[in-house]
Amino acid sequence: MSMRSISGLVGTDSGARVVSAALVLGAMCLCADSASAQLFQWTPDQLIKYTVKNPYERFPDGRPKVPDEMLERIKGLIAEEVQAVLPARGFPNQFELRDGWKVLQPDQKMVGRVFTVQFMPLRGDVAEVDEAEAQAKGTTPARNQTAIDMLQPGDVIVADVFGANWNFVGNKLAHYIQTTTNNGMIVDGGIYWLDRIAETGMQAYYKNSFPAQGMRVMVTGINIPVRIGNALVMPGDVVLADREGLWFIPPHLVQEVVQSGELSKARDDWSLMMLSTGKYTSRQIYGPLTPELQKQRDDYIFEKTGRRPPPRDQ
């Protein structure tokens, strides 16, 4: 397997954390090439290899393409309804708390297919090699726009900017992202022109904002695994971002998450409906049910979801 050089120079300001996890993962599947800088992008074949359990179609770049219908169903769920599945299936690190994040539209949920881009602090010798290689090919080194111009409808771009004080986009590139994807962005770093972006209704999770660029960074990966807080995020994951935080759902578990979440929501809706009648105590509804109430609840869940809950589901 060969590496494709994709680095580029963009401005940024300061930040100490350099995420190495994604580089390690990338290095495992990408061999160093003497003609390439130490910067990379997974090929479609490599994306298929690392998302082999994906049951859906794929984009030409190899990313899993979870159907729009499943994305719409996920929009009806909340963080607590997702968590029942992923940790039990061996995915304990797919959630990032909202603490420490700023949210442009606090009351707005965001769901979409993940497209990743990774940045690191600028290092001159690495950048020089990549610059020379790009010039030899008649191109330019990759920038934030390199990834942005690859976005598809329904995507949520996830930018690992290692928490740096550097702005990934301003209002014009944010507008391009919004009109191309009809979606928002997650930036472990900065965005600016916030008021202009906010007035469009675009959603964004981000760490900071500065009126001008400072520190310089370079692109080190597109469509590779990235780390967002405590979560390892893969291209093609489905993100559910709400008041609680960010869930990154592997494509092959999306259907199970949706079905489990819909059962949970129907169960809770029934409980709220019964409690609102004023006929029952909290213990009668939010506790072990009588056989009669159990049947009522099971019938309600079946009516709403077309599925019956597992036996003794409380």
Protein backbone atom coordinates (compact mmCIF):
# COMPACT_ATOMS: atom_id res chain seq x y z
CA MET A 1 0.00 0.00 0.00
CA SER A 2 1.28 3.46 -0.84
CA MET A 3 0.82 6.83 0.78
CA ARG A 4 -0.71 9.76 -0.95
CA SER A 5 0.67 13.10 0.11
CA ILE A 6 -2.05 15.46 1.23
CA SER A 7 -0.43 17.93 3.56
CA GLY A 8 -0.69 21.65 3.27
CA LEU A 9 -0.12 24.88 5.05
CA VAL A 10 -2.86 26.82 6.75
CA GLY A 11 -2.57 29.36 9.52
CA THR A 12 -3.37 28.69 13.22
CA ASP A 13 -2.47 29.81 16.69
CA SER A 14 -1.50 27.72 19.72
CA GLY A 15 -2.33 24.38 21.22
CA ALA A 16 -0.24 21.77 22.90
CA ARG A 17 -1.99 18.45 22.27
CA VAL A 18 -0.84 16.51 19.23
CA VAL A 19 -2.97 13.47 18.60
CA SER A 20 -0.87 10.45 17.69
CA ALA A 21 -3.53 7.75 17.78
CA ALA A 22 -4.76 8.40 14.26
CA LEU A 23 -1.22 8.49 12.91
CA VAL A 24 -0.48 5.14 14.49
CA LEU A 25 -3.61 3.65 12.99
CA GLY A 26 -2.80 5.16 9.63
CA ALA A 27 0.78 3.96 9.74
CA MET A 28 -0.40 0.41 10.30
CA CYS A 29 -2.12 0.41 6.95
CA LEU A 30 0.08 2.80 4.98
CA CYS A 31 3.67 2.05 4.08
CA ALA A 32 6.18 4.87 3.86
CA ASP A 33 7.12 5.78 0.30
CA SER A 34 10.32 7.61 -0.51
CA ALA A 35 8.40 9.95 -2.81
CA SER A 36 5.80 10.86 -0.20
CA ALA A 37 5.78 13.01 2.89
CA GLN A 38 4.70 11.43 6.17
CA LEU A 39 1.11 12.49 5.42
CA PHE A 40 -1.65 10.34 4.08
CA GLN A 41 -5.15 9.53 2.95
CA TRP A 42 -6.78 6.14 3.06
CA THR A 43 -7.52 4.67 -0.34
CA PRO A 44 -11.00 3.25 -1.03
CA ASP A 45 -9.60 -0.27 -0.58
CA GLN A 46 -8.17 0.64 2.82
CA LEU A 47 -11.44 2.22 3.91
CA ILE A 48 -13.27 -0.93 2.87
CA LYS A 49 -10.77 -3.06 4.82
CA TYR A 50 -11.28 -1.13 8.05
CA THR A 51 -15.06 -0.87 7.67
CA VAL A 52 -15.61 -4.35 6.29
CA LYS A 53 -18.72 -4.91 8.44
CA ASN A 54 -20.54 -2.05 6.74
CA PRO A 55 -23.81 -3.45 5.28
CA TYR A 56 -24.63 -0.42 3.13
CA GLU A 57 -23.48 1.12 -0.15
CA ARG A 58 -20.32 3.21 -0.29
CA PHE A 59 -19.22 6.54 -1.69
CA PRO A 60 -16.56 6.43 -4.44
CA ASP A 61 -13.96 7.34 -1.78
CA GLY A 62 -14.81 4.10 0.07
CA ARG A 63 -16.73 5.61 2.95
CA PRO A 64 -19.83 3.73 4.11
CA LYS A 65 -23.01 5.44 2.93
CA VAL A 66 -25.59 4.88 5.65
CA PRO A 67 -29.00 5.46 3.99
CA ASP A 68 -30.84 8.73 4.48
CA GLU A 69 -33.78 6.79 5.94
CA MET A 70 -31.60 5.56 8.80
CA LEU A 71 -30.26 9.08 9.39
CA GLU A 72 -33.82 10.38 9.69
CA ARG A 73 -34.65 7.71 12.26
CA ILE A 74 -31.55 8.56 14.28
CA LYS A 75 -32.73 12.19 14.41
CA GLY A 76 -35.61 10.97 16.54
CA LEU A 77 -33.26 9.60 19.20
CA ILE A 78 -31.26 11.17 22.02
CA ALA A 79 -27.91 10.27 23.57
CA GLU A 80 -29.38 8.14 26.35
CA GLU A 81 -31.25 6.01 23.81
CA VAL A 82 -28.06 5.32 21.85
CA GLN A 83 -25.86 4.30 24.78
CA ALA A 84 -27.65 1.01 25.40
CA VAL A 85 -26.03 -0.68 22.39
CA LEU A 86 -22.50 0.52 21.69
CA PRO A 87 -20.64 -0.23 24.97
CA ALA A 88 -22.18 -3.70 25.08
CA ARG A 89 -20.91 -4.38 21.54
CA GLY A 90 -17.30 -3.57 22.34
CA PHE A 91 -17.39 0.15 21.51
CA PRO A 92 -16.86 1.92 24.87
CA ASN A 93 -15.11 4.97 23.39
CA GLN A 94 -17.65 6.39 20.95
CA PHE A 95 -19.06 9.19 23.10
CA GLU A 96 -17.65 12.64 23.76
CA LEU A 97 -19.24 14.74 26.50
CA ARG A 98 -20.47 18.18 25.54
CA ASP A 99 -18.48 19.67 28.44
CA GLY A 100 -15.67 21.80 27.04
CA TRP A 101 -17.40 22.29 23.69
CA LYS A 102 -19.15 25.39 22.41
CA VAL A 103 -22.29 24.88 20.34
CA LEU A 104 -23.45 27.42 17.80
CA GLN A 105 -27.11 26.33 17.92
CA PRO A 106 -27.62 24.95 21.47
CA ASP A 107 -31.17 23.70 20.86
CA GLN A 108 -30.45 22.04 17.51
CA LYS A 109 -29.60 18.36 17.05
CA MET A 110 -27.15 17.29 14.33
CA VAL A 111 -27.01 13.92 12.56
CA GLY A 112 -24.92 12.96 9.54
CA ARG A 113 -22.23 10.82 7.94
CA VAL A 114 -18.71 11.58 9.15
CA PHE A 115 -15.99 12.94 6.86
CA THR A 116 -12.68 13.38 8.69
CA VAL A 117 -9.75 15.73 8.29
CA GLN A 118 -6.71 15.86 10.57
CA PHE A 119 -4.32 18.74 11.25
CA MET A 120 -1.06 19.01 13.17
CA PRO A 121 1.27 21.89 14.03
CA LEU A 122 3.35 23.07 11.11
CA ARG A 123 6.82 21.50 10.96
CA GLY A 124 9.12 23.04 8.37
CA ASP A 125 11.04 20.01 7.12
CA VAL A 126 7.88 17.95 6.63
CA ALA A 127 6.10 20.84 4.95
CA GLU A 128 9.05 21.47 2.61
CA VAL A 129 9.01 17.90 1.35
CA ASP A 130 5.29 18.03 0.75
CA GLU A 131 5.53 21.41 -0.95
CA ALA A 132 8.24 20.15 -3.30
CA GLU A 133 6.28 17.02 -4.11
CA ALA A 134 3.15 19.04 -4.85
CA GLN A 135 5.08 21.39 -7.14
CA ALA A 136 6.56 18.43 -9.02
CA LYS A 137 3.06 17.17 -9.68
CA GLY A 138 1.79 20.60 -10.71
CA THR A 139 -0.51 20.87 -7.71
CA THR A 140 -0.52 22.63 -4.37
CA PRO A 141 -0.31 21.15 -0.86
CA ALA A 142 -3.60 20.26 0.75
CA ARG A 143 -5.50 22.84 2.75
CA ASN A 144 -8.71 22.88 4.73
CA GLN A 145 -10.48 23.49 1.40
CA THR A 146 -9.08 20.25 -0.01
CA ALA A 147 -11.24 18.31 2.42
CA ILE A 148 -14.17 20.73 2.24
CA ASP A 149 -14.39 20.37 -1.55
CA MET A 150 -14.76 16.59 -1.16
CA LEU A 151 -17.92 16.77 0.96
CA GLN A 152 -21.19 15.14 -0.06
CA PRO A 153 -24.84 15.82 0.90
CA GLY A 154 -25.54 14.64 4.44
CA ASP A 155 -21.90 14.75 5.55
CA VAL A 156 -20.72 16.23 8.83
CA ILE A 157 -17.08 17.26 8.54
CA VAL A 158 -15.12 16.32 11.67
CA ALA A 159 -11.89 18.31 11.93
CA ASP A 160 -9.24 17.15 14.40
CA VAL A 161 -7.29 20.35 15.01
CA PHE A 162 -5.79 18.97 18.26
CA GLY A 163 -7.65 21.63 20.28
CA ALA A 164 -5.48 24.37 18.81
CA ASN A 165 -6.27 28.06 18.81
CA TRP A 166 -6.72 28.08 15.05
CA ASN A 167 -9.84 28.72 13.02
CA PHE A 168 -10.81 25.92 10.65
CA VAL A 169 -13.29 28.08 8.74
CA GLY A 170 -14.95 31.48 8.70
CA ASN A 171 -18.37 32.37 7.38
CA LYS A 172 -17.66 31.86 3.66
CA LEU A 173 -16.29 28.32 3.92
CA ALA A 174 -18.94 27.54 6.53
CA HIS A 175 -21.56 28.65 3.98
CA TYR A 176 -20.04 26.32 1.40
CA ILE A 177 -20.13 23.42 3.88
CA GLN A 178 -23.74 24.15 4.79
CA THR A 179 -25.01 24.50 1.23
CA THR A 180 -23.10 21.42 0.06
CA THR A 181 -24.01 19.08 2.89
CA ASN A 182 -27.16 20.70 4.33
CA ASN A 183 -25.46 19.95 7.62
CA GLY A 184 -22.98 21.26 10.17
CA MET A 185 -19.46 20.63 11.45
CA ILE A 186 -17.46 19.42 14.44
CA VAL A 187 -14.15 21.21 14.96
CA ASP A 188 -11.71 20.31 17.74
CA GLY A 189 -10.26 23.76 17.31
CA GLY A 190 -11.66 27.13 16.26
CA ILE A 191 -14.10 28.75 13.87
CA TYR A 192 -14.64 32.47 13.41
CA TRP A 193 -17.14 34.99 12.04
CA LEU A 194 -19.47 33.31 14.52
CA ASP A 195 -22.34 35.78 14.33
CA ARG A 196 -22.47 35.53 10.54
CA ILE A 197 -22.44 31.73 10.68
CA ALA A 198 -25.00 31.56 13.50
CA GLU A 199 -27.54 33.70 11.67
CA THR A 200 -27.71 31.10 8.86
CA GLY A 201 -28.90 28.44 11.33
CA MET A 202 -25.86 26.24 10.70
CA GLN A 203 -24.89 23.92 13.54
CA ALA A 204 -21.31 23.69 14.77
CA TYR A 205 -19.56 22.10 17.73
CA TYR A 206 -16.21 23.82 18.27
CA LYS A 207 -13.65 24.57 20.97
CA ASN A 208 -12.69 28.21 20.51
CA SER A 209 -12.78 31.27 18.27
CA PHE A 210 -10.35 34.08 17.46
CA PRO A 211 -10.82 37.17 15.29
CA ALA A 212 -7.59 36.43 13.39
CA GLN A 213 -5.35 33.45 12.71
CA GLY A 214 -2.20 32.89 14.72
CA MET A 215 -0.48 29.52 14.87
CA ARG A 216 0.24 27.71 11.61
CA VAL A 217 -0.89 24.15 10.98
CA MET A 218 -0.82 21.64 8.15
CA VAL A 219 -3.19 18.96 6.92
CA THR A 220 -1.93 15.50 7.87
CA GLY A 221 -4.83 13.29 6.92
CA ILE A 222 -8.13 13.10 5.06
CA ASN A 223 -10.64 10.29 5.59
CA ILE A 224 -8.52 8.57 8.24
CA PRO A 225 -9.30 7.70 11.88
CA VAL A 226 -9.17 10.78 14.11
CA ARG A 227 -9.51 11.35 17.83
CA ILE A 228 -12.18 13.70 19.10
CA GLY A 229 -11.78 13.89 22.86
CA ASN A 230 -12.17 10.34 24.16
CA ALA A 231 -13.74 9.03 20.95
CA LEU A 232 -12.02 7.36 18.02
CA VAL A 233 -13.89 8.49 14.92
CA MET A 234 -13.89 6.68 11.59
CA PRO A 235 -14.85 8.03 8.16
CA GLY A 236 -18.41 6.92 7.48
CA ASP A 237 -19.48 6.77 11.13
CA VAL A 238 -22.84 8.37 11.85
CA VAL A 239 -22.67 11.21 14.35
CA LEU A 240 -25.52 12.10 16.68
CA ALA A 241 -24.81 15.41 18.41
CA ASP A 242 -27.26 16.75 20.98
CA ARG A 243 -27.41 18.46 24.39
CA GLU A 244 -25.49 15.60 26.03
CA GLY A 245 -22.60 15.36 23.61
CA LEU A 246 -21.41 13.51 20.52
CA TRP A 247 -22.05 9.86 19.64
CA PHE A 248 -20.08 8.35 16.76
CA ILE A 249 -21.90 5.21 15.61
CA PRO A 250 -20.15 2.56 13.45
CA PRO A 251 -22.20 1.91 10.30
CA HIS A 252 -22.71 -1.79 10.99
CA LEU A 253 -24.37 -0.97 14.33
CA VAL A 254 -26.64 1.81 13.10
CA GLN A 255 -29.68 -0.39 12.58
CA GLU A 256 -29.34 -2.03 15.99
CA VAL A 257 -28.92 1.37 17.64
CA VAL A 258 -32.00 2.72 15.87
CA GLN A 259 -34.18 -0.26 16.75
CA SER A 260 -33.05 -0.28 20.37
CA GLY A 261 -33.53 3.47 20.65
CA GLU A 262 -37.00 3.38 19.13
CA LEU A 263 -38.06 0.69 21.61
CA SER A 264 -36.68 2.77 24.46
CA LYS A 265 -38.49 5.91 23.27
CA ALA A 266 -41.81 4.08 22.86
CA ARG A 267 -41.44 2.56 26.34
CA ASP A 268 -40.76 5.96 27.87
CA ASP A 269 -43.58 7.61 25.91
CA TRP A 270 -46.02 5.03 27.29
CA SER A 271 -44.81 5.62 30.84
CA LEU A 272 -45.19 9.40 30.50
CA MET A 273 -48.63 8.99 28.99
CA MET A 274 -49.79 6.76 31.85
CA LEU A 275 -48.31 8.99 34.54
CA SER A 276 -50.04 12.02 33.04
CA THR A 277 -53.46 10.43 33.58
CA GLY A 278 -53.14 10.88 37.33
CA LYS A 279 -54.50 7.36 37.89
CA TYR A 280 -51.24 5.71 38.92
CA THR A 281 -48.40 6.23 41.36
CA SER A 282 -44.89 6.56 40.04
CA ARG A 283 -44.05 3.12 41.43
CA GLN A 284 -46.92 1.51 39.56
CA ILE A 285 -45.64 2.77 36.21
CA TYR A 286 -41.94 3.33 36.77
CA GLY A 287 -41.26 -0.02 38.38
CA PRO A 288 -42.34 -3.66 38.08
CA LEU A 289 -45.57 -3.73 36.11
CA THR A 290 -48.64 -5.81 36.74
CA PRO A 291 -49.38 -8.34 33.97
CA GLU A 292 -52.20 -6.11 32.72
CA LEU A 293 -50.04 -2.99 32.52
CA GLN A 294 -47.20 -5.00 30.99
CA LYS A 295 -49.51 -6.13 28.21
CA GLN A 296 -50.73 -2.57 27.66
CA ARG A 297 -47.18 -1.32 27.36
CA ASP A 298 -46.08 -4.14 25.05
CA ASP A 299 -49.07 -3.50 22.79
CA TYR A 300 -48.27 0.24 22.71
CA ILE A 301 -44.63 -0.43 21.80
CA PHE A 302 -45.70 -2.82 19.05
CA GLU A 303 -48.13 -0.24 17.66
CA LYS A 304 -45.40 2.42 17.55
CA THR A 305 -42.42 0.35 16.36
CA GLY A 306 -43.78 -2.87 14.86
CA ARG A 307 -41.61 -4.81 17.31
CA ARG A 308 -42.19 -6.25 20.75
CA PRO A 309 -39.68 -5.69 23.57
CA PRO A 310 -37.65 -8.61 24.94
CA PRO A 311 -39.30 -10.65 27.73
CA ARG A 312 -39.30 -9.06 31.20
CA ASP A 313 -38.21 -5.73 29.68
CA GLN A 314 -38.84 -3.07 32.30
